[in-house]
């Protein structure tokens, strides 16, 4: 494992995994919105039978498209969460706190009972380990 880490371009690798983690946060939020929209559309379509058949067809197509996007988002979220679950518990918690819960420095220090310098080191190590698991590590 050490030999592998020596060949990794740390900056580029961290950028790659950070992109994935930021997208994860956005997609989890978007997934919640799409779920709400899908439920709202279902309620509206079942309670509003006064529209034309054409409008019902358009609504059905829009709902199917929304469901497909939601399925794609869920697949992405599940694959990243599976990778995160392969990390040590502390690494996973730190990455989730940083990218999903967006804790500030003070909250980090309080939550993990350590200095920010140590937390930054843990974040760096966790990002590298996650990149290796995801297969997005960039080599020199």
Protein backbone atom coordinates (compact mmCIF):
# COMPACT_ATOMS: atom_id res chain seq x y z
CA UNK A 1 0.00 0.00 0.00
CA UNK A 2 2.87 2.38 0.83
CA UNK A 3 4.48 1.86 -2.60
CA UNK A 4 1.16 2.69 -4.24
CA UNK A 5 0.77 5.87 -2.21
CA UNK A 6 4.29 6.98 -3.21
CA UNK A 7 3.31 6.87 -6.90
CA UNK A 8 0.13 8.92 -6.45
CA UNK A 9 -0.05 12.59 -7.45
CA UNK A 10 -1.58 13.79 -4.18
CA UNK A 11 -2.88 17.17 -5.39
CA UNK A 12 -4.58 15.82 -8.50
CA UNK A 13 -5.95 12.80 -6.67
CA UNK A 14 -7.43 14.96 -3.92
CA UNK A 15 -9.03 17.22 -6.54
CA UNK A 16 -10.62 14.22 -8.24
CA UNK A 17 -12.08 12.76 -5.05
CA UNK A 18 -13.21 16.23 -3.89
CA UNK A 19 -15.20 16.58 -7.12
CA UNK A 20 -16.96 13.30 -6.39
CA UNK A 21 -17.72 14.25 -2.80
CA UNK A 22 -19.07 17.68 -3.77
CA UNK A 23 -21.25 16.09 -6.44
CA UNK A 24 -22.45 13.58 -3.84
CA UNK A 25 -23.66 16.40 -1.61
CA UNK A 26 -25.44 18.12 -4.50
CA UNK A 27 -26.99 14.92 -5.80
CA UNK A 28 -28.25 13.85 -2.40
CA UNK A 29 -29.98 17.22 -2.10
CA UNK A 30 -31.29 16.98 -5.67
CA UNK A 31 -32.54 13.45 -5.05
CA UNK A 32 -34.64 14.71 -2.15
CA UNK A 33 -36.10 17.44 -4.38
CA UNK A 34 -36.86 14.98 -7.19
CA UNK A 35 -38.59 12.65 -4.73
CA UNK A 36 -40.74 15.54 -3.54
CA UNK A 37 -41.52 16.60 -7.13
CA UNK A 38 -42.42 13.06 -8.11
CA UNK A 39 -44.80 12.70 -5.17
CA UNK A 40 -46.32 16.13 -5.86
CA UNK A 41 -46.82 15.28 -9.53
CA UNK A 42 -48.46 11.99 -8.63
CA UNK A 43 -50.86 13.72 -6.27
CA UNK A 44 -51.69 16.41 -8.82
CA UNK A 45 -52.25 13.95 -11.64
CA UNK A 46 -54.48 11.69 -9.56
CA UNK A 47 -56.59 14.58 -8.25
CA UNK A 48 -56.82 16.52 -11.53
CA UNK A 49 -58.71 14.47 -14.09
CA UNK A 50 -60.11 17.52 -15.88
CA UNK A 51 -57.16 17.95 -18.30
CA UNK A 52 -56.97 16.58 -21.81
CA UNK A 53 -55.49 13.19 -22.60
CA UNK A 54 -52.54 14.95 -24.25
CA UNK A 55 -51.66 16.79 -21.04
CA UNK A 56 -51.89 13.53 -19.12
CA UNK A 57 -49.47 11.94 -21.59
CA UNK A 58 -47.01 14.81 -21.24
CA UNK A 59 -47.24 14.63 -17.47
CA UNK A 60 -46.63 10.88 -17.55
CA UNK A 61 -43.55 11.34 -19.78
CA UNK A 62 -42.23 14.08 -17.51
CA UNK A 63 -42.75 11.86 -14.46
CA UNK A 64 -40.95 8.95 -16.17
CA UNK A 65 -38.03 11.22 -17.07
CA UNK A 66 -37.86 12.48 -13.49
CA UNK A 67 -37.91 8.92 -12.16
CA UNK A 68 -35.07 7.91 -14.52
CA UNK A 69 -32.95 10.88 -13.40
CA UNK A 70 -33.69 9.97 -9.81
CA UNK A 71 -32.64 6.36 -10.44
CA UNK A 72 -29.34 7.53 -11.98
CA UNK A 73 -28.71 9.82 -9.03
CA UNK A 74 -29.50 7.03 -6.58
CA UNK A 75 -27.05 4.70 -8.35
CA UNK A 76 -24.30 7.32 -8.12
CA UNK A 77 -25.07 8.01 -4.46
CA UNK A 78 -25.10 4.29 -3.60
CA UNK A 79 -21.75 3.65 -5.32
CA UNK A 80 -20.09 6.53 -3.47
CA UNK A 81 -21.65 5.55 -0.15
CA UNK A 82 -20.44 1.96 -0.64
CA UNK A 83 -16.92 3.30 -1.22
CA UNK A 84 -17.19 5.52 1.86
CA UNK A 85 -18.28 2.51 3.92
CA UNK A 86 -15.02 0.76 2.99
CA UNK A 87 -13.05 3.48 4.76
CA UNK A 88 -12.28 3.38 8.46
CA UNK A 89 -15.12 4.81 10.52
CA UNK A 90 -13.23 7.95 11.54
CA UNK A 91 -12.18 8.68 7.95
CA UNK A 92 -15.73 8.27 6.72
CA UNK A 93 -17.11 10.49 9.48
CA UNK A 94 -14.61 13.25 8.74
CA UNK A 95 -15.34 13.25 5.00
CA UNK A 96 -19.09 13.26 5.58
CA UNK A 97 -18.75 16.08 8.10
CA UNK A 98 -16.72 18.13 5.63
CA UNK A 99 -18.62 17.55 2.39
CA UNK A 100 -22.19 16.76 3.42
CA UNK A 101 -22.68 18.47 6.75
CA UNK A 102 -20.20 21.28 5.93
CA UNK A 103 -18.95 21.74 9.48
CA UNK A 104 -16.82 24.80 10.16
CA UNK A 105 -13.45 24.65 11.94
CA UNK A 106 -14.90 25.15 15.40
CA UNK A 107 -17.52 22.44 14.90
CA UNK A 108 -14.83 20.07 13.58
CA UNK A 109 -12.64 20.61 16.63
CA UNK A 110 -15.60 20.06 18.93
CA UNK A 111 -16.94 17.01 17.08
CA UNK A 112 -13.61 15.19 16.73
CA UNK A 113 -11.95 16.56 19.88
CA UNK A 114 -8.69 17.45 18.13
CA UNK A 115 -6.95 20.37 16.44
CA UNK A 116 -7.70 21.49 12.90
CA UNK A 117 -4.13 20.68 11.88
CA UNK A 118 -4.74 17.04 12.79
CA UNK A 119 -8.15 17.07 11.10
CA UNK A 120 -6.62 18.41 7.86
CA UNK A 121 -4.14 15.53 7.95
CA UNK A 122 -6.99 13.04 8.47
CA UNK A 123 -8.97 14.61 5.61
CA UNK A 124 -5.98 14.34 3.27
CA UNK A 125 -5.41 10.68 4.16
CA UNK A 126 -9.11 9.85 3.87
CA UNK A 127 -9.37 11.53 0.46
CA UNK A 128 -6.38 9.54 -0.83
CA UNK A 129 -7.78 6.26 0.53
CA UNK A 130 -11.20 7.00 -0.98
CA UNK A 131 -9.61 7.82 -4.34
CA UNK A 132 -7.86 4.45 -4.33
CA UNK A 133 -11.13 2.68 -3.51
CA UNK A 134 -13.01 4.60 -6.23
CA UNK A 135 -10.24 4.04 -8.75
CA UNK A 136 -9.84 7.76 -9.44
CA UNK A 137 -6.31 8.13 -8.06
CA UNK A 138 -3.99 10.07 -10.38
CA UNK A 139 -0.48 8.66 -10.69
CA UNK A 140 2.75 10.59 -11.31
